[in-house]
Amino acid sequence: MQEQDASAFSASHTFEQFLQEHGRIQQPVFERLQAEKSKIGAGFNVDEWLVSQKVLDEEAVAQARAEFFNLPYIDLRNNTVPAEAAALI
């Protein structure tokens, strides 16, 4: 099977499928997540559910999201933001 890059993967898979297929969550958790998502519907937030159920912490979710969207993950806690940049916010 030919490997797909993350951007191609995200176009055809959900975030939760990505997590399961990349070993971030196990099949039973994936199934619970899908059941909860079906029950709640459009208002369901995968990231919040993962954190509230203590499946992943916020940092792990952020890292996985970056990987899912093929973006670099930068931990801003370990970097100094220039004053000029912070003033723009």
PDB file of N, CA and C in Angstrom:
ATOM      1  N   MET A   1       0.832  -1.181   0.000  1.00  0.00           N
ATOM      2  CA  MET A   1       0.000   0.000   0.000  1.00  0.00           C
ATOM      3  C   MET A   1       0.875   1.243   0.000  1.00  0.00           C
ATOM      4  N   GLN A   2       0.540   2.210  -0.824  1.00  0.00           N
ATOM      5  CA  GLN A   2       1.310   3.424  -0.925  1.00  0.00           C
ATOM      6  C   GLN A   2       0.970   4.358   0.217  1.00  0.00           C
ATOM      7  N   GLU A   3       1.989   4.990   0.807  1.00  0.00           N
ATOM      8  CA  GLU A   3       1.763   5.910   1.919  1.00  0.00           C
ATOM      9  C   GLU A   3       1.156   7.200   1.413  1.00  0.00           C
ATOM     10  N   GLN A   4       0.278   7.790   2.228  1.00  0.00           N
ATOM     11  CA  GLN A   4      -0.332   9.073   1.921  1.00  0.00           C
ATOM     12  C   GLN A   4       0.287  10.118   2.816  1.00  0.00           C
ATOM     13  N   ASP A   5       0.423  11.344   2.302  1.00  0.00           N
ATOM     14  CA  ASP A   5       0.855  12.387   3.217  1.00  0.00           C
ATOM     15  C   ASP A   5      -0.327  12.812   4.078  1.00  0.00           C
ATOM     16  N   ALA A   6      -0.057  13.564   5.136  1.00  0.00           N
ATOM     17  CA  ALA A   6      -1.112  13.901   6.095  1.00  0.00           C
ATOM     18  C   ALA A   6      -2.225  14.728   5.471  1.00  0.00           C
ATOM     19  N   SER A   7      -1.893  15.622   4.526  1.00  0.00           N
ATOM     20  CA  SER A   7      -2.944  16.439   3.924  1.00  0.00           C
ATOM     21  C   SER A   7      -3.896  15.588   3.103  1.00  0.00           C
ATOM     22  N   ALA A   8      -3.386  14.592   2.399  1.00  0.00           N
ATOM     23  CA  ALA A   8      -4.255  13.679   1.652  1.00  0.00           C
ATOM     24  C   ALA A   8      -5.067  12.844   2.620  1.00  0.00           C
ATOM     25  N   PHE A   9      -4.452  12.472   3.734  1.00  0.00           N
ATOM     26  CA  PHE A   9      -5.149  11.670   4.733  1.00  0.00           C
ATOM     27  C   PHE A   9      -6.319  12.444   5.313  1.00  0.00           C
ATOM     28  N   SER A  10      -6.105  13.696   5.678  1.00  0.00           N
ATOM     29  CA  SER A  10      -7.158  14.467   6.311  1.00  0.00           C
ATOM     30  C   SER A  10      -8.327  14.740   5.375  1.00  0.00           C
ATOM     31  N   ALA A  11      -8.066  14.736   4.071  1.00  0.00           N
ATOM     32  CA  ALA A  11      -9.143  14.981   3.114  1.00  0.00           C
ATOM     33  C   ALA A  11     -10.123  13.813   3.062  1.00  0.00           C
ATOM     34  N   SER A  12      -9.660  12.614   3.398  1.00  0.00           N
ATOM     35  CA  SER A  12     -10.530  11.445   3.267  1.00  0.00           C
ATOM     36  C   SER A  12     -10.844  10.753   4.600  1.00  0.00           C
ATOM     37  N   HIS A  13     -10.284  11.232   5.700  1.00  0.00           N
ATOM     38  CA  HIS A  13     -10.500  10.619   7.001  1.00  0.00           C
ATOM     39  C   HIS A  13     -10.857  11.680   8.035  1.00  0.00           C
ATOM     40  N   THR A  14     -11.559  11.246   9.059  1.00  0.00           N
ATOM     41  CA  THR A  14     -11.843  12.145  10.172  1.00  0.00           C
ATOM     42  C   THR A  14     -10.646  12.166  11.117  1.00  0.00           C
ATOM     43  N   PHE A  15     -10.637  13.144  11.999  1.00  0.00           N
ATOM     44  CA  PHE A  15      -9.570  13.248  12.980  1.00  0.00           C
ATOM     45  C   PHE A  15      -9.519  12.009  13.861  1.00  0.00           C
ATOM     46  N   GLU A  16     -10.695  11.527  14.275  1.00  0.00           N
ATOM     47  CA  GLU A  16     -10.706  10.342  15.141  1.00  0.00           C
ATOM     48  C   GLU A  16     -10.197   9.096  14.416  1.00  0.00           C
ATOM     49  N   GLN A  17     -10.466   8.974  13.119  1.00  0.00           N
ATOM     50  CA  GLN A  17      -9.904   7.858  12.343  1.00  0.00           C
ATOM     51  C   GLN A  17      -8.383   7.972  12.296  1.00  0.00           C
ATOM     52  N   PHE A  18      -7.905   9.189  12.101  1.00  0.00           N
ATOM     53  CA  PHE A  18      -6.470   9.452  12.092  1.00  0.00           C
ATOM     54  C   PHE A  18      -5.840   9.024  13.419  1.00  0.00           C
ATOM     55  N   LEU A  19      -6.474   9.407  14.532  1.00  0.00           N
ATOM     56  CA  LEU A  19      -5.950   9.055  15.851  1.00  0.00           C
ATOM     57  C   LEU A  19      -5.868   7.542  16.029  1.00  0.00           C
ATOM     58  N   GLN A  20      -6.906   6.858  15.621  1.00  0.00           N
ATOM     59  CA  GLN A  20      -6.953   5.399  15.779  1.00  0.00           C
ATOM     60  C   GLN A  20      -5.921   4.728  14.876  1.00  0.00           C
ATOM     61  N   GLU A  21      -5.844   5.146  13.629  1.00  0.00           N
ATOM     62  CA  GLU A  21      -4.933   4.522  12.678  1.00  0.00           C
ATOM     63  C   GLU A  21      -3.472   4.828  12.972  1.00  0.00           C
ATOM     64  N   HIS A  22      -3.205   5.898  13.722  1.00  0.00           N
ATOM     65  CA  HIS A  22      -1.834   6.248  14.092  1.00  0.00           C
ATOM     66  C   HIS A  22      -1.497   5.846  15.535  1.00  0.00           C
ATOM     67  N   GLY A  23      -2.359   5.042  16.143  1.00  0.00           N
ATOM     68  CA  GLY A  23      -2.063   4.492  17.460  1.00  0.00           C
ATOM     69  C   GLY A  23      -2.224   5.458  18.616  1.00  0.00           C
ATOM     70  N   ARG A  24      -2.874   6.591  18.397  1.00  0.00           N
ATOM     71  CA  ARG A  24      -3.064   7.553  19.487  1.00  0.00           C
ATOM     72  C   ARG A  24      -4.223   7.139  20.380  1.00  0.00           C
ATOM     73  N   ILE A  25      -5.206   6.441  19.805  1.00  0.00           N
ATOM     74  CA  ILE A  25      -6.306   5.880  20.588  1.00  0.00           C
ATOM     75  C   ILE A  25      -6.523   4.443  20.146  1.00  0.00           C
ATOM     76  N   GLN A  26      -6.988   3.613  21.062  1.00  0.00           N
ATOM     77  CA  GLN A  26      -7.242   2.207  20.764  1.00  0.00           C
ATOM     78  C   GLN A  26      -8.664   2.030  20.224  1.00  0.00           C
ATOM     79  N   GLN A  27      -8.911   0.897  19.602  1.00  0.00           N
ATOM     80  CA  GLN A  27     -10.215   0.613  18.983  1.00  0.00           C
ATOM     81  C   GLN A  27     -11.399   0.789  19.935  1.00  0.00           C
ATOM     82  N   PRO A  28     -11.340   0.296  21.179  1.00  0.00           N
ATOM     83  CA  PRO A  28     -12.490   0.495  22.078  1.00  0.00           C
ATOM     84  C   PRO A  28     -12.793   1.985  22.336  1.00  0.00           C
ATOM     85  N   VAL A  29     -11.765   2.792  22.458  1.00  0.00           N
ATOM     86  CA  VAL A  29     -11.952   4.232  22.661  1.00  0.00           C
ATOM     87  C   VAL A  29     -12.545   4.841  21.400  1.00  0.00           C
ATOM     88  N   PHE A  30     -12.037   4.436  20.243  1.00  0.00           N
ATOM     89  CA  PHE A  30     -12.570   4.916  18.965  1.00  0.00           C
ATOM     90  C   PHE A  30     -14.065   4.610  18.866  1.00  0.00           C
ATOM     91  N   GLU A  31     -14.455   3.409  19.264  1.00  0.00           N
ATOM     92  CA  GLU A  31     -15.863   3.015  19.199  1.00  0.00           C
ATOM     93  C   GLU A  31     -16.723   3.822  20.171  1.00  0.00           C
ATOM     94  N   ARG A  32     -16.211   4.067  21.389  1.00  0.00           N
ATOM     95  CA  ARG A  32     -16.934   4.902  22.359  1.00  0.00           C
ATOM     96  C   ARG A  32     -17.094   6.322  21.827  1.00  0.00           C
ATOM     97  N   LEU A  33     -16.027   6.838  21.241  1.00  0.00           N
ATOM     98  CA  LEU A  33     -16.047   8.178  20.684  1.00  0.00           C
ATOM     99  C   LEU A  33     -17.093   8.273  19.571  1.00  0.00           C
ATOM    100  N   GLN A  34     -17.122   7.286  18.684  1.00  0.00           N
ATOM    101  CA  GLN A  34     -18.092   7.280  17.584  1.00  0.00           C
ATOM    102  C   GLN A  34     -19.528   7.211  18.117  1.00  0.00           C
ATOM    103  N   ALA A  35     -19.743   6.400  19.133  1.00  0.00           N
ATOM    104  CA  ALA A  35     -21.077   6.275  19.716  1.00  0.00           C
ATOM    105  C   ALA A  35     -21.525   7.602  20.326  1.00  0.00           C
ATOM    106  N   GLU A  36     -20.640   8.247  21.054  1.00  0.00           N
ATOM    107  CA  GLU A  36     -20.962   9.533  21.675  1.00  0.00           C
ATOM    108  C   GLU A  36     -21.205  10.598  20.609  1.00  0.00           C
ATOM    109  N   LYS A  37     -20.401  10.585  19.579  1.00  0.00           N
ATOM    110  CA  LYS A  37     -20.547  11.538  18.478  1.00  0.00           C
ATOM    111  C   LYS A  37     -21.907  11.360  17.789  1.00  0.00           C
ATOM    112  N   SER A  38     -22.311  10.114  17.581  1.00  0.00           N
ATOM    113  CA  SER A  38     -23.611   9.827  16.961  1.00  0.00           C
ATOM    114  C   SER A  38     -24.761  10.276  17.852  1.00  0.00           C
ATOM    115  N   LYS A  39     -24.595  10.068  19.153  1.00  0.00           N
ATOM    116  CA  LYS A  39     -25.642  10.419  20.112  1.00  0.00           C
ATOM    117  C   LYS A  39     -25.838  11.935  20.200  1.00  0.00           C
ATOM    118  N   ILE A  40     -24.748  12.687  20.246  1.00  0.00           N
ATOM    119  CA  ILE A  40     -24.824  14.129  20.434  1.00  0.00           C
ATOM    120  C   ILE A  40     -25.075  14.872  19.126  1.00  0.00           C
ATOM    121  N   GLY A  41     -24.450  14.426  18.061  1.00  0.00           N
ATOM    122  CA  GLY A  41     -24.669  15.064  16.765  1.00  0.00           C
ATOM    123  C   GLY A  41     -23.746  16.232  16.504  1.00  0.00           C
ATOM    124  N   ALA A  42     -24.294  17.271  15.869  1.00  0.00           N
ATOM    125  CA  ALA A  42     -23.496  18.382  15.355  1.00  0.00           C
ATOM    126  C   ALA A  42     -22.731  19.146  16.434  1.00  0.00           C
ATOM    127  N   GLY A  43     -23.197  19.161  17.661  1.00  0.00           N
ATOM    128  CA  GLY A  43     -22.524  19.906  18.718  1.00  0.00           C
ATOM    129  C   GLY A  43     -21.362  19.175  19.370  1.00  0.00           C
ATOM    130  N   PHE A  44     -21.066  17.964  18.905  1.00  0.00           N
ATOM    131  CA  PHE A  44     -20.020  17.162  19.529  1.00  0.00           C
ATOM    132  C   PHE A  44     -18.643  17.709  19.184  1.00  0.00           C
ATOM    133  N   ASN A  45     -17.781  17.826  20.193  1.00  0.00           N
ATOM    134  CA  ASN A  45     -16.412  18.300  20.008  1.00  0.00           C
ATOM    135  C   ASN A  45     -15.456  17.165  20.373  1.00  0.00           C
ATOM    136  N   VAL A  46     -14.806  16.616  19.371  1.00  0.00           N
ATOM    137  CA  VAL A  46     -13.897  15.479  19.562  1.00  0.00           C
ATOM    138  C   VAL A  46     -12.782  15.836  20.529  1.00  0.00           C
ATOM    139  N   ASP A  47     -12.165  16.994  20.345  1.00  0.00           N
ATOM    140  CA  ASP A  47     -11.037  17.395  21.190  1.00  0.00           C
ATOM    141  C   ASP A  47     -11.444  17.466  22.664  1.00  0.00           C
ATOM    142  N   GLU A  48     -12.576  18.122  22.932  1.00  0.00           N
ATOM    143  CA  GLU A  48     -13.045  18.245  24.318  1.00  0.00           C
ATOM    144  C   GLU A  48     -13.377  16.881  24.914  1.00  0.00           C
ATOM    145  N   TRP A  49     -13.966  16.006  24.122  1.00  0.00           N
ATOM    146  CA  TRP A  49     -14.308  14.669  24.614  1.00  0.00           C
ATOM    147  C   TRP A  49     -13.043  13.897  24.984  1.00  0.00           C
ATOM    148  N   LEU A  50     -12.042  13.948  24.129  1.00  0.00           N
ATOM    149  CA  LEU A  50     -10.791  13.232  24.399  1.00  0.00           C
ATOM    150  C   LEU A  50     -10.159  13.695  25.707  1.00  0.00           C
ATOM    151  N   VAL A  51     -10.194  15.003  25.947  1.00  0.00           N
ATOM    152  CA  VAL A  51      -9.601  15.552  27.169  1.00  0.00           C
ATOM    153  C   VAL A  51     -10.477  15.238  28.378  1.00  0.00           C
ATOM    154  N   SER A  52     -11.796  15.422  28.252  1.00  0.00           N
ATOM    155  CA  SER A  52     -12.691  15.192  29.390  1.00  0.00           C
ATOM    156  C   SER A  52     -12.717  13.728  29.826  1.00  0.00           C
ATOM    157  N   GLN A  53     -12.521  12.818  28.877  1.00  0.00           N
ATOM    158  CA  GLN A  53     -12.494  11.392  29.192  1.00  0.00           C
ATOM    159  C   GLN A  53     -11.090  10.918  29.589  1.00  0.00           C
ATOM    160  N   LYS A  54     -10.149  11.872  29.630  1.00  0.00           N
ATOM    161  CA  LYS A  54      -8.756  11.593  29.988  1.00  0.00           C
ATOM    162  C   LYS A  54      -8.106  10.565  29.059  1.00  0.00           C
ATOM    163  N   VAL A  55      -8.519  10.607  27.795  1.00  0.00           N
ATOM    164  CA  VAL A  55      -7.921   9.746  26.771  1.00  0.00           C
ATOM    165  C   VAL A  55      -6.596  10.352  26.340  1.00  0.00           C
ATOM    166  N   LEU A  56      -6.612  11.660  26.078  1.00  0.00           N
ATOM    167  CA  LEU A  56      -5.409  12.418  25.725  1.00  0.00           C
ATOM    168  C   LEU A  56      -5.448  13.728  26.506  1.00  0.00           C
ATOM    169  N   ASP A  57      -4.285  14.295  26.781  1.00  0.00           N
ATOM    170  CA  ASP A  57      -4.281  15.616  27.392  1.00  0.00           C
ATOM    171  C   ASP A  57      -4.302  16.667  26.274  1.00  0.00           C
ATOM    172  N   GLU A  58      -4.497  17.929  26.661  1.00  0.00           N
ATOM    173  CA  GLU A  58      -4.618  18.997  25.668  1.00  0.00           C
ATOM    174  C   GLU A  58      -3.392  19.079  24.764  1.00  0.00           C
ATOM    175  N   GLU A  59      -2.231  18.861  25.331  1.00  0.00           N
ATOM    176  CA  GLU A  59      -0.983  18.921  24.564  1.00  0.00           C
ATOM    177  C   GLU A  59      -0.957  17.838  23.484  1.00  0.00           C
ATOM    178  N   ALA A  60      -1.342  16.626  23.851  1.00  0.00           N
ATOM    179  CA  ALA A  60      -1.354  15.516  22.892  1.00  0.00           C
ATOM    180  C   ALA A  60      -2.377  15.755  21.785  1.00  0.00           C
ATOM    181  N   VAL A  61      -3.525  16.343  22.136  1.00  0.00           N
ATOM    182  CA  VAL A  61      -4.539  16.661  21.123  1.00  0.00           C
ATOM    183  C   VAL A  61      -3.985  17.707  20.158  1.00  0.00           C
ATOM    184  N   ALA A  62      -3.343  18.737  20.691  1.00  0.00           N
ATOM    185  CA  ALA A  62      -2.778  19.790  19.842  1.00  0.00           C
ATOM    186  C   ALA A  62      -1.700  19.226  18.914  1.00  0.00           C
ATOM    187  N   GLN A  63      -0.850  18.369  19.440  1.00  0.00           N
ATOM    188  CA  GLN A  63       0.193  17.750  18.609  1.00  0.00           C
ATOM    189  C   GLN A  63      -0.423  16.886  17.514  1.00  0.00           C
ATOM    190  N   ALA A  64      -1.452  16.129  17.865  1.00  0.00           N
ATOM    191  CA  ALA A  64      -2.114  15.270  16.884  1.00  0.00           C
ATOM    192  C   ALA A  64      -2.825  16.103  15.822  1.00  0.00           C
ATOM    193  N   ARG A  65      -3.460  17.192  16.228  1.00  0.00           N
ATOM    194  CA  ARG A  65      -4.122  18.078  15.255  1.00  0.00           C
ATOM    195  C   ARG A  65      -3.106  18.636  14.263  1.00  0.00           C
ATOM    196  N   ALA A  66      -1.968  19.054  14.763  1.00  0.00           N
ATOM    197  CA  ALA A  66      -0.918  19.576  13.880  1.00  0.00           C
ATOM    198  C   ALA A  66      -0.489  18.507  12.877  1.00  0.00           C
ATOM    199  N   GLU A  67      -0.270  17.298  13.359  1.00  0.00           N
ATOM    200  CA  GLU A  67       0.123  16.205  12.475  1.00  0.00           C
ATOM    201  C   GLU A  67      -0.984  15.894  11.467  1.00  0.00           C
ATOM    202  N   PHE A  68      -2.227  15.886  11.917  1.00  0.00           N
ATOM    203  CA  PHE A  68      -3.378  15.611  11.051  1.00  0.00           C
ATOM    204  C   PHE A  68      -3.449  16.602   9.892  1.00  0.00           C
ATOM    205  N   PHE A  69      -3.183  17.876  10.183  1.00  0.00           N
ATOM    206  CA  PHE A  69      -3.244  18.915   9.155  1.00  0.00           C
ATOM    207  C   PHE A  69      -1.895  19.172   8.486  1.00  0.00           C
ATOM    208  N   ASN A  70      -0.915  18.321   8.807  1.00  0.00           N
ATOM    209  CA  ASN A  70       0.422  18.420   8.213  1.00  0.00           C
ATOM    210  C   ASN A  70       1.040  19.797   8.475  1.00  0.00           C
ATOM    211  N   LEU A  71       0.923  20.236   9.733  1.00  0.00           N
ATOM    212  CA  LEU A  71       1.480  21.505  10.163  1.00  0.00           C
ATOM    213  C   LEU A  71       2.523  21.258  11.245  1.00  0.00           C
ATOM    214  N   PRO A  72       3.505  22.127  11.349  1.00  0.00           N
ATOM    215  CA  PRO A  72       4.474  21.961  12.432  1.00  0.00           C
ATOM    216  C   PRO A  72       3.823  22.268  13.775  1.00  0.00           C
ATOM    217  N   TYR A  73       4.245  21.556  14.798  1.00  0.00           N
ATOM    218  CA  TYR A  73       3.772  21.830  16.151  1.00  0.00           C
ATOM    219  C   TYR A  73       4.863  22.596  16.873  1.00  0.00           C
ATOM    220  N   ILE A  74       4.492  23.732  17.434  1.00  0.00           N
ATOM    221  CA  ILE A  74       5.451  24.549  18.172  1.00  0.00           C
ATOM    222  C   ILE A  74       4.891  24.787  19.567  1.00  0.00           C
ATOM    223  N   ASP A  75       5.647  24.380  20.570  1.00  0.00           N
ATOM    224  CA  ASP A  75       5.256  24.610  21.955  1.00  0.00           C
ATOM    225  C   ASP A  75       5.681  26.022  22.332  1.00  0.00           C
ATOM    226  N   LEU A  76       4.727  26.922  22.376  1.00  0.00           N
ATOM    227  CA  LEU A  76       5.040  28.328  22.653  1.00  0.00           C
ATOM    228  C   LEU A  76       5.485  28.572  24.089  1.00  0.00           C
ATOM    229  N   ARG A  77       5.269  27.598  24.946  1.00  0.00           N
ATOM    230  CA  ARG A  77       5.731  27.757  26.332  1.00  0.00           C
ATOM    231  C   ARG A  77       7.249  27.784  26.392  1.00  0.00           C
ATOM    232  N   ASN A  78       7.901  27.220  25.384  1.00  0.00           N
ATOM    233  CA  ASN A  78       9.365  27.163  25.366  1.00  0.00           C
ATOM    234  C   ASN A  78       9.984  28.195  24.445  1.00  0.00           C
ATOM    235  N   ASN A  79       9.188  29.116  23.940  1.00  0.00           N
ATOM    236  CA  ASN A  79       9.681  30.144  23.034  1.00  0.00           C
ATOM    237  C   ASN A  79       9.283  31.521  23.544  1.00  0.00           C
ATOM    238  N   THR A  80      10.110  32.489  23.246  1.00  0.00           N
ATOM    239  CA  THR A  80       9.803  33.865  23.600  1.00  0.00           C
ATOM    240  C   THR A  80       9.149  34.524  22.396  1.00  0.00           C
ATOM    241  N   VAL A  81       7.995  35.109  22.633  1.00  0.00           N
ATOM    242  CA  VAL A  81       7.293  35.824  21.574  1.00  0.00           C
ATOM    243  C   VAL A  81       7.803  37.263  21.580  1.00  0.00           C
ATOM    244  N   PRO A  82       8.287  37.752  20.429  1.00  0.00           N
ATOM    245  CA  PRO A  82       8.764  39.139  20.384  1.00  0.00           C
ATOM    246  C   PRO A  82       7.662  40.112  20.798  1.00  0.00           C
ATOM    247  N   ALA A  83       8.035  41.153  21.517  1.00  0.00           N
ATOM    248  CA  ALA A  83       7.073  42.153  22.014  1.00  0.00           C
ATOM    249  C   ALA A  83       6.266  42.755  20.874  1.00  0.00           C
ATOM    250  N   GLU A  84       6.920  42.949  19.716  1.00  0.00           N
ATOM    251  CA  GLU A  84       6.221  43.533  18.556  1.00  0.00           C
ATOM    252  C   GLU A  84       5.103  42.611  18.097  1.00  0.00           C
ATOM    253  N   ALA A  85       5.354  41.319  18.101  1.00  0.00           N
ATOM    254  CA  ALA A  85       4.330  40.347  17.683  1.00  0.00           C
ATOM    255  C   ALA A  85       3.196  40.279  18.704  1.00  0.00           C
ATOM    256  N   ALA A  86       3.549  40.281  19.984  1.00  0.00           N
ATOM    257  CA  ALA A  86       2.530  40.224  21.037  1.00  0.00           C
ATOM    258  C   ALA A  86       1.669  41.481  21.013  1.00  0.00           C
ATOM    259  N   ALA A  87       2.225  42.606  20.648  1.00  0.00           N
ATOM    260  CA  ALA A  87       1.463  43.857  20.590  1.00  0.00           C
ATOM    261  C   ALA A  87       0.410  43.828  19.491  1.00  0.00           C
ATOM    262  N   LEU A  88       0.586  42.988  18.508  1.00  0.00           N
ATOM    263  CA  LEU A  88      -0.371  42.894  17.407  1.00  0.00           C
ATOM    264  C   LEU A  88      -1.623  42.135  17.785  1.00  0.00           C
ATOM    265  N   ILE A  89      -1.558  41.406  18.882  1.00  0.00           N
ATOM    266  CA  ILE A  89      -2.695  40.568  19.289  1.00  0.00           C
ATOM    267  C   ILE A  89      -3.690  41.369  20.081  1.00  0.00           C
TER     268      ILE A  89
END
